[in-house]
Amino acid sequence: MVLLRITWTKSQIGYRAGHREVVRSLGLRRLNQTVVHRDNPSIRGMVHKVAHLVTVEEIEEPEPAGRSKGRKRTVKNSGKEAKAKK
């Protein structure tokens, strides 16, 4: 899945209140802050509205870390269980 790395690069002073709200709703609180969102139409629409204030990069989502294909772990019985079996 594609992710969007959005960085707030230009101050919102002097722009409409709607632009300020969009920057805030993207999760950006400070200038030069970067957030990562999944690529979907609602995020794309917000980015389009404030494209003059932010920079956007498309990045690939890393593969989930799976279990290694090496040796399987074995669980040993505790001392109490071993004595109960004798």
PDB file of N, CA and C in Angstrom:
ATOM      1  N   MET A   1       0.837  -1.172   0.000  1.00  0.00           N
ATOM      2  CA  MET A   1       0.000   0.000   0.000  1.00  0.00           C
ATOM      3  C   MET A   1       0.888   1.242   0.000  1.00  0.00           C
ATOM      4  N   VAL A   2       0.417   2.260  -0.651  1.00  0.00           N
ATOM      5  CA  VAL A   2       1.173   3.505  -0.771  1.00  0.00           C
ATOM      6  C   VAL A   2       0.840   4.412   0.408  1.00  0.00           C
ATOM      7  N   LEU A   3       1.872   5.046   0.933  1.00  0.00           N
ATOM      8  CA  LEU A   3       1.717   6.020   2.005  1.00  0.00           C
ATOM      9  C   LEU A   3       2.125   7.393   1.494  1.00  0.00           C
ATOM     10  N   LEU A   4       1.624   8.419   2.124  1.00  0.00           N
ATOM     11  CA  LEU A   4       1.994   9.784   1.782  1.00  0.00           C
ATOM     12  C   LEU A   4       2.744  10.392   2.958  1.00  0.00           C
ATOM     13  N   ARG A   5       3.931  10.914   2.693  1.00  0.00           N
ATOM     14  CA  ARG A   5       4.700  11.641   3.699  1.00  0.00           C
ATOM     15  C   ARG A   5       4.458  13.126   3.444  1.00  0.00           C
ATOM     16  N   ILE A   6       3.764  13.770   4.375  1.00  0.00           N
ATOM     17  CA  ILE A   6       3.349  15.164   4.203  1.00  0.00           C
ATOM     18  C   ILE A   6       4.155  16.026   5.167  1.00  0.00           C
ATOM     19  N   THR A   7       4.826  17.048   4.636  1.00  0.00           N
ATOM     20  CA  THR A   7       5.628  17.957   5.444  1.00  0.00           C
ATOM     21  C   THR A   7       5.091  19.366   5.290  1.00  0.00           C
ATOM     22  N   TRP A   8       4.863  20.028   6.415  1.00  0.00           N
ATOM     23  CA  TRP A   8       4.384  21.402   6.415  1.00  0.00           C
ATOM     24  C   TRP A   8       5.576  22.308   6.200  1.00  0.00           C
ATOM     25  N   THR A   9       5.621  23.030   5.064  1.00  0.00           N
ATOM     26  CA  THR A   9       6.808  23.784   4.689  1.00  0.00           C
ATOM     27  C   THR A   9       6.626  25.299   4.676  1.00  0.00           C
ATOM     28  N   LYS A  10       5.386  25.786   4.627  1.00  0.00           N
ATOM     29  CA  LYS A  10       5.169  27.229   4.529  1.00  0.00           C
ATOM     30  C   LYS A  10       4.138  27.655   5.559  1.00  0.00           C
ATOM     31  N   SER A  11       4.350  28.810   6.169  1.00  0.00           N
ATOM     32  CA  SER A  11       3.449  29.317   7.204  1.00  0.00           C
ATOM     33  C   SER A  11       2.062  29.566   6.641  1.00  0.00           C
ATOM     34  N   GLN A  12       1.062  29.392   7.493  1.00  0.00           N
ATOM     35  CA  GLN A  12      -0.321  29.613   7.072  1.00  0.00           C
ATOM     36  C   GLN A  12      -0.832  31.010   7.418  1.00  0.00           C
ATOM     37  N   ILE A  13       0.051  31.868   7.901  1.00  0.00           N
ATOM     38  CA  ILE A  13      -0.338  33.235   8.226  1.00  0.00           C
ATOM     39  C   ILE A  13      -0.746  33.949   6.936  1.00  0.00           C
ATOM     40  N   GLY A  14      -1.889  34.594   6.980  1.00  0.00           N
ATOM     41  CA  GLY A  14      -2.373  35.326   5.822  1.00  0.00           C
ATOM     42  C   GLY A  14      -3.253  34.511   4.903  1.00  0.00           C
ATOM     43  N   TYR A  15      -3.460  33.230   5.200  1.00  0.00           N
ATOM     44  CA  TYR A  15      -4.334  32.386   4.385  1.00  0.00           C
ATOM     45  C   TYR A  15      -5.678  32.208   5.082  1.00  0.00           C
ATOM     46  N   ARG A  16      -6.618  31.647   4.392  1.00  0.00           N
ATOM     47  CA  ARG A  16      -7.968  31.482   4.907  1.00  0.00           C
ATOM     48  C   ARG A  16      -7.998  30.524   6.105  1.00  0.00           C
ATOM     49  N   ALA A  17      -9.039  30.691   6.913  1.00  0.00           N
ATOM     50  CA  ALA A  17      -9.207  29.844   8.097  1.00  0.00           C
ATOM     51  C   ALA A  17      -9.399  28.374   7.699  1.00  0.00           C
ATOM     52  N   GLY A  18     -10.026  28.154   6.559  1.00  0.00           N
ATOM     53  CA  GLY A  18     -10.228  26.783   6.088  1.00  0.00           C
ATOM     54  C   GLY A  18      -8.913  26.076   5.825  1.00  0.00           C
ATOM     55  N   HIS A  19      -7.928  26.808   5.342  1.00  0.00           N
ATOM     56  CA  HIS A  19      -6.615  26.218   5.092  1.00  0.00           C
ATOM     57  C   HIS A  19      -5.946  25.848   6.411  1.00  0.00           C
ATOM     58  N   ARG A  20      -6.113  26.712   7.417  1.00  0.00           N
ATOM     59  CA  ARG A  20      -5.549  26.419   8.738  1.00  0.00           C
ATOM     60  C   ARG A  20      -6.174  25.157   9.325  1.00  0.00           C
ATOM     61  N   GLU A  21      -7.482  25.013   9.141  1.00  0.00           N
ATOM     62  CA  GLU A  21      -8.185  23.841   9.658  1.00  0.00           C
ATOM     63  C   GLU A  21      -7.720  22.563   8.964  1.00  0.00           C
ATOM     64  N   VAL A  22      -7.479  22.643   7.676  1.00  0.00           N
ATOM     65  CA  VAL A  22      -7.029  21.466   6.934  1.00  0.00           C
ATOM     66  C   VAL A  22      -5.627  21.050   7.381  1.00  0.00           C
ATOM     67  N   VAL A  23      -4.743  22.025   7.549  1.00  0.00           N
ATOM     68  CA  VAL A  23      -3.388  21.708   8.015  1.00  0.00           C
ATOM     69  C   VAL A  23      -3.459  21.046   9.380  1.00  0.00           C
ATOM     70  N   ARG A  24      -4.309  21.555  10.253  1.00  0.00           N
ATOM     71  CA  ARG A  24      -4.465  20.992  11.594  1.00  0.00           C
ATOM     72  C   ARG A  24      -5.051  19.580  11.531  1.00  0.00           C
ATOM     73  N   SER A  25      -6.033  19.368  10.657  1.00  0.00           N
ATOM     74  CA  SER A  25      -6.671  18.058  10.560  1.00  0.00           C
ATOM     75  C   SER A  25      -5.751  17.007   9.940  1.00  0.00           C
ATOM     76  N   LEU A  26      -4.743  17.449   9.213  1.00  0.00           N
ATOM     77  CA  LEU A  26      -3.740  16.506   8.703  1.00  0.00           C
ATOM     78  C   LEU A  26      -2.796  16.039   9.809  1.00  0.00           C
ATOM     79  N   GLY A  27      -2.883  16.670  10.973  1.00  0.00           N
ATOM     80  CA  GLY A  27      -2.032  16.287  12.089  1.00  0.00           C
ATOM     81  C   GLY A  27      -0.772  17.117  12.194  1.00  0.00           C
ATOM     82  N   LEU A  28      -0.709  18.192  11.456  1.00  0.00           N
ATOM     83  CA  LEU A  28       0.477  19.051  11.472  1.00  0.00           C
ATOM     84  C   LEU A  28       0.290  20.155  12.497  1.00  0.00           C
ATOM     85  N   ARG A  29       1.237  20.279  13.412  1.00  0.00           N
ATOM     86  CA  ARG A  29       1.142  21.263  14.482  1.00  0.00           C
ATOM     87  C   ARG A  29       2.224  22.330  14.387  1.00  0.00           C
ATOM     88  N   ARG A  30       3.392  21.984  13.861  1.00  0.00           N
ATOM     89  CA  ARG A  30       4.510  22.924  13.782  1.00  0.00           C
ATOM     90  C   ARG A  30       5.064  22.945  12.364  1.00  0.00           C
ATOM     91  N   LEU A  31       5.661  24.043  12.004  1.00  0.00           N
ATOM     92  CA  LEU A  31       6.314  24.176  10.716  1.00  0.00           C
ATOM     93  C   LEU A  31       7.443  23.160  10.606  1.00  0.00           C
ATOM     94  N   ASN A  32       7.643  22.597   9.450  1.00  0.00           N
ATOM     95  CA  ASN A  32       8.643  21.565   9.149  1.00  0.00           C
ATOM     96  C   ASN A  32       8.361  20.231   9.823  1.00  0.00           C
ATOM     97  N   GLN A  33       7.158  20.031  10.324  1.00  0.00           N
ATOM     98  CA  GLN A  33       6.774  18.746  10.890  1.00  0.00           C
ATOM     99  C   GLN A  33       6.323  17.825   9.763  1.00  0.00           C
ATOM    100  N   THR A  34       6.583  16.530   9.923  1.00  0.00           N
ATOM    101  CA  THR A  34       6.211  15.542   8.912  1.00  0.00           C
ATOM    102  C   THR A  34       5.280  14.510   9.524  1.00  0.00           C
ATOM    103  N   VAL A  35       4.233  14.150   8.779  1.00  0.00           N
ATOM    104  CA  VAL A  35       3.319  13.090   9.178  1.00  0.00           C
ATOM    105  C   VAL A  35       3.186  12.112   8.016  1.00  0.00           C
ATOM    106  N   VAL A  36       2.758  10.896   8.329  1.00  0.00           N
ATOM    107  CA  VAL A  36       2.563   9.880   7.302  1.00  0.00           C
ATOM    108  C   VAL A  36       1.109   9.423   7.366  1.00  0.00           C
ATOM    109  N   HIS A  37       0.439   9.438   6.211  1.00  0.00           N
ATOM    110  CA  HIS A  37      -0.951   8.999   6.103  1.00  0.00           C
ATOM    111  C   HIS A  37      -1.058   7.981   4.976  1.00  0.00           C
ATOM    112  N   ARG A  38      -2.045   7.100   5.090  1.00  0.00           N
ATOM    113  CA  ARG A  38      -2.330   6.190   3.984  1.00  0.00           C
ATOM    114  C   ARG A  38      -2.940   6.987   2.842  1.00  0.00           C
ATOM    115  N   ASP A  39      -2.648   6.559   1.641  1.00  0.00           N
ATOM    116  CA  ASP A  39      -3.143   7.255   0.454  1.00  0.00           C
ATOM    117  C   ASP A  39      -4.604   6.893   0.228  1.00  0.00           C
ATOM    118  N   ASN A  40      -5.499   7.867   0.387  1.00  0.00           N
ATOM    119  CA  ASN A  40      -6.910   7.676   0.087  1.00  0.00           C
ATOM    120  C   ASN A  40      -7.480   8.995  -0.417  1.00  0.00           C
ATOM    121  N   PRO A  41      -8.664   8.973  -0.999  1.00  0.00           N
ATOM    122  CA  PRO A  41      -9.208  10.185  -1.608  1.00  0.00           C
ATOM    123  C   PRO A  41      -9.396  11.355  -0.639  1.00  0.00           C
ATOM    124  N   SER A  42      -9.751  11.088   0.607  1.00  0.00           N
ATOM    125  CA  SER A  42      -9.967  12.199   1.539  1.00  0.00           C
ATOM    126  C   SER A  42      -8.659  12.902   1.879  1.00  0.00           C
ATOM    127  N   ILE A  43      -7.584  12.149   2.077  1.00  0.00           N
ATOM    128  CA  ILE A  43      -6.282  12.753   2.356  1.00  0.00           C
ATOM    129  C   ILE A  43      -5.787  13.491   1.117  1.00  0.00           C
ATOM    130  N   ARG A  44      -5.979  12.896  -0.064  1.00  0.00           N
ATOM    131  CA  ARG A  44      -5.568  13.565  -1.298  1.00  0.00           C
ATOM    132  C   ARG A  44      -6.303  14.895  -1.482  1.00  0.00           C
ATOM    133  N   GLY A  45      -7.586  14.937  -1.130  1.00  0.00           N
ATOM    134  CA  GLY A  45      -8.349  16.176  -1.248  1.00  0.00           C
ATOM    135  C   GLY A  45      -7.839  17.255  -0.310  1.00  0.00           C
ATOM    136  N   MET A  46      -7.500  16.857   0.924  1.00  0.00           N
ATOM    137  CA  MET A  46      -6.963  17.829   1.868  1.00  0.00           C
ATOM    138  C   MET A  46      -5.614  18.357   1.396  1.00  0.00           C
ATOM    139  N   VAL A  47      -4.773  17.457   0.897  1.00  0.00           N
ATOM    140  CA  VAL A  47      -3.460  17.869   0.403  1.00  0.00           C
ATOM    141  C   VAL A  47      -3.618  18.804  -0.795  1.00  0.00           C
ATOM    142  N   HIS A  48      -4.573  18.520  -1.661  1.00  0.00           N
ATOM    143  CA  HIS A  48      -4.801  19.375  -2.827  1.00  0.00           C
ATOM    144  C   HIS A  48      -5.203  20.792  -2.398  1.00  0.00           C
ATOM    145  N   LYS A  49      -5.990  20.889  -1.335  1.00  0.00           N
ATOM    146  CA  LYS A  49      -6.454  22.201  -0.873  1.00  0.00           C
ATOM    147  C   LYS A  49      -5.319  23.055  -0.324  1.00  0.00           C
ATOM    148  N   VAL A  50      -4.328  22.427   0.314  1.00  0.00           N
ATOM    149  CA  VAL A  50      -3.222  23.188   0.922  1.00  0.00           C
ATOM    150  C   VAL A  50      -1.890  22.847   0.259  1.00  0.00           C
ATOM    151  N   ALA A  51      -1.921  22.541  -1.025  1.00  0.00           N
ATOM    152  CA  ALA A  51      -0.704  22.139  -1.745  1.00  0.00           C
ATOM    153  C   ALA A  51       0.361  23.231  -1.724  1.00  0.00           C
ATOM    154  N   HIS A  52      -0.045  24.477  -1.586  1.00  0.00           N
ATOM    155  CA  HIS A  52       0.906  25.589  -1.548  1.00  0.00           C
ATOM    156  C   HIS A  52       1.602  25.707  -0.192  1.00  0.00           C
ATOM    157  N   LEU A  53       1.126  24.968   0.815  1.00  0.00           N
ATOM    158  CA  LEU A  53       1.709  25.033   2.156  1.00  0.00           C
ATOM    159  C   LEU A  53       2.504  23.782   2.538  1.00  0.00           C
ATOM    160  N   VAL A  54       2.322  22.699   1.807  1.00  0.00           N
ATOM    161  CA  VAL A  54       2.939  21.419   2.185  1.00  0.00           C
ATOM    162  C   VAL A  54       3.685  20.814   1.000  1.00  0.00           C
ATOM    163  N   THR A  55       4.593  19.884   1.309  1.00  0.00           N
ATOM    164  CA  THR A  55       5.215  19.054   0.282  1.00  0.00           C
ATOM    165  C   THR A  55       4.809  17.611   0.558  1.00  0.00           C
ATOM    166  N   VAL A  56       4.637  16.846  -0.508  1.00  0.00           N
ATOM    167  CA  VAL A  56       4.131  15.480  -0.390  1.00  0.00           C
ATOM    168  C   VAL A  56       5.056  14.537  -1.126  1.00  0.00           C
ATOM    169  N   GLU A  57       5.349  13.396  -0.490  1.00  0.00           N
ATOM    170  CA  GLU A  57       6.128  12.329  -1.123  1.00  0.00           C
ATOM    171  C   GLU A  57       5.344  11.034  -0.995  1.00  0.00           C
ATOM    172  N   GLU A  58       5.355  10.233  -2.044  1.00  0.00           N
ATOM    173  CA  GLU A  58       4.754   8.906  -1.970  1.00  0.00           C
ATOM    174  C   GLU A  58       5.827   7.920  -1.546  1.00  0.00           C
ATOM    175  N   ILE A  59       5.515   7.106  -0.560  1.00  0.00           N
ATOM    176  CA  ILE A  59       6.451   6.081  -0.102  1.00  0.00           C
ATOM    177  C   ILE A  59       5.723   4.752  -0.033  1.00  0.00           C
ATOM    178  N   GLU A  60       6.458   3.669  -0.108  1.00  0.00           N
ATOM    179  CA  GLU A  60       5.883   2.343  -0.013  1.00  0.00           C
ATOM    180  C   GLU A  60       5.827   1.910   1.439  1.00  0.00           C
ATOM    181  N   GLU A  61       4.740   1.255   1.818  1.00  0.00           N
ATOM    182  CA  GLU A  61       4.603   0.754   3.179  1.00  0.00           C
ATOM    183  C   GLU A  61       5.520  -0.453   3.338  1.00  0.00           C
ATOM    184  N   PRO A  62       6.311  -0.507   4.409  1.00  0.00           N
ATOM    185  CA  PRO A  62       7.208  -1.652   4.599  1.00  0.00           C
ATOM    186  C   PRO A  62       6.414  -2.929   4.848  1.00  0.00           C
ATOM    187  N   GLU A  63       6.987  -4.046   4.440  1.00  0.00           N
ATOM    188  CA  GLU A  63       6.350  -5.338   4.659  1.00  0.00           C
ATOM    189  C   GLU A  63       6.310  -5.628   6.153  1.00  0.00           C
ATOM    190  N   PRO A  64       5.228  -6.254   6.642  1.00  0.00           N
ATOM    191  CA  PRO A  64       5.174  -6.577   8.069  1.00  0.00           C
ATOM    192  C   PRO A  64       6.244  -7.603   8.428  1.00  0.00           C
ATOM    193  N   ALA A  65       6.823  -7.409   9.585  1.00  0.00           N
ATOM    194  CA  ALA A  65       7.872  -8.327  10.037  1.00  0.00           C
ATOM    195  C   ALA A  65       7.226  -9.641  10.430  1.00  0.00           C
ATOM    196  N   GLY A  66       7.562 -10.689   9.726  1.00  0.00           N
ATOM    197  CA  GLY A  66       7.011 -11.996  10.017  1.00  0.00           C
ATOM    198  C   GLY A  66       7.955 -12.809  10.879  1.00  0.00           C
ATOM    199  N   ARG A  67       7.521 -13.973  11.240  1.00  0.00           N
ATOM    200  CA  ARG A  67       8.342 -14.858  12.047  1.00  0.00           C
ATOM    201  C   ARG A  67       9.438 -15.437  11.179  1.00  0.00           C
ATOM    202  N   SER A  68      10.613 -15.592  11.742  1.00  0.00           N
ATOM    203  CA  SER A  68      11.723 -16.141  10.972  1.00  0.00           C
ATOM    204  C   SER A  68      11.437 -17.595  10.607  1.00  0.00           C
ATOM    205  N   LYS A  69      12.019 -18.055   9.519  1.00  0.00           N
ATOM    206  CA  LYS A  69      11.765 -19.403   9.041  1.00  0.00           C
ATOM    207  C   LYS A  69      12.792 -20.385   9.596  1.00  0.00           C
ATOM    208  N   GLY A  70      13.456 -19.985  10.632  1.00  0.00           N
ATOM    209  CA  GLY A  70      14.474 -20.839  11.235  1.00  0.00           C
ATOM    210  C   GLY A  70      13.862 -21.906  12.128  1.00  0.00           C
ATOM    211  N   ARG A  71      14.606 -22.280  13.156  1.00  0.00           N
ATOM    212  CA  ARG A  71      14.182 -23.317  14.085  1.00  0.00           C
ATOM    213  C   ARG A  71      12.933 -22.911  14.844  1.00  0.00           C
ATOM    214  N   LYS A  72      12.068 -23.894  15.098  1.00  0.00           N
ATOM    215  CA  LYS A  72      10.895 -23.614  15.912  1.00  0.00           C
ATOM    216  C   LYS A  72      11.285 -23.713  17.381  1.00  0.00           C
ATOM    217  N   ARG A  73      10.646 -22.922  18.191  1.00  0.00           N
ATOM    218  CA  ARG A  73      10.926 -22.949  19.613  1.00  0.00           C
ATOM    219  C   ARG A  73      10.170 -24.092  20.264  1.00  0.00           C
ATOM    220  N   THR A  74      10.784 -24.714  21.229  1.00  0.00           N
ATOM    221  CA  THR A  74      10.114 -25.760  21.994  1.00  0.00           C
ATOM    222  C   THR A  74       9.962 -25.282  23.427  1.00  0.00           C
ATOM    223  N   VAL A  75       8.847 -25.617  24.017  1.00  0.00           N
ATOM    224  CA  VAL A  75       8.578 -25.211  25.389  1.00  0.00           C
ATOM    225  C   VAL A  75       8.833 -26.397  26.284  1.00  0.00           C
ATOM    226  N   LYS A  76       9.704 -26.223  27.266  1.00  0.00           N
ATOM    227  CA  LYS A  76      10.008 -27.296  28.207  1.00  0.00           C
ATOM    228  C   LYS A  76       9.013 -27.271  29.345  1.00  0.00           C
ATOM    229  N   ASN A  77       8.752 -28.441  29.902  1.00  0.00           N
ATOM    230  CA  ASN A  77       7.869 -28.541  31.049  1.00  0.00           C
ATOM    231  C   ASN A  77       8.557 -27.963  32.268  1.00  0.00           C
ATOM    232  N   SER A  78       7.751 -27.346  33.127  1.00  0.00           N
ATOM    233  CA  SER A  78       8.334 -26.836  34.369  1.00  0.00           C
ATOM    234  C   SER A  78       8.592 -27.996  35.307  1.00  0.00           C
ATOM    235  N   GLY A  79       9.299 -27.778  36.377  1.00  0.00           N
ATOM    236  CA  GLY A  79       9.652 -28.828  37.327  1.00  0.00           C
ATOM    237  C   GLY A  79       8.436 -29.497  37.934  1.00  0.00           C
ATOM    238  N   LYS A  80       7.389 -28.769  38.247  1.00  0.00           N
ATOM    239  CA  LYS A  80       6.197 -29.334  38.870  1.00  0.00           C
ATOM    240  C   LYS A  80       5.490 -30.301  37.929  1.00  0.00           C
ATOM    241  N   GLU A  81       5.390 -29.952  36.662  1.00  0.00           N
ATOM    242  CA  GLU A  81       4.732 -30.808  35.696  1.00  0.00           C
ATOM    243  C   GLU A  81       5.528 -32.083  35.468  1.00  0.00           C
ATOM    244  N   ALA A  82       6.848 -31.973  35.457  1.00  0.00           N
ATOM    245  CA  ALA A  82       7.696 -33.149  35.243  1.00  0.00           C
ATOM    246  C   ALA A  82       7.564 -34.117  36.407  1.00  0.00           C
ATOM    247  N   LYS A  83       7.481 -33.616  37.640  1.00  0.00           N
ATOM    248  CA  LYS A  83       7.333 -34.486  38.811  1.00  0.00           C
ATOM    249  C   LYS A  83       5.963 -35.146  38.810  1.00  0.00           C
ATOM    250  N   ALA A  84       4.930 -34.447  38.364  1.00  0.00           N
ATOM    251  CA  ALA A  84       3.589 -34.993  38.353  1.00  0.00           C
ATOM    252  C   ALA A  84       3.464 -36.136  37.350  1.00  0.00           C
ATOM    253  N   LYS A  85       4.236 -36.132  36.286  1.00  0.00           N
ATOM    254  CA  LYS A  85       4.184 -37.179  35.285  1.00  0.00           C
ATOM    255  C   LYS A  85       4.849 -38.444  35.758  1.00  0.00           C
ATOM    256  N   LYS A  86       5.783 -38.377  36.713  1.00  0.00           N
ATOM    257  CA  LYS A  86       6.515 -39.572  37.189  1.00  0.00           C
ATOM    258  C   LYS A  86       5.701 -40.408  38.045  1.00  0.00           C
TER     259      LYS A  86
END
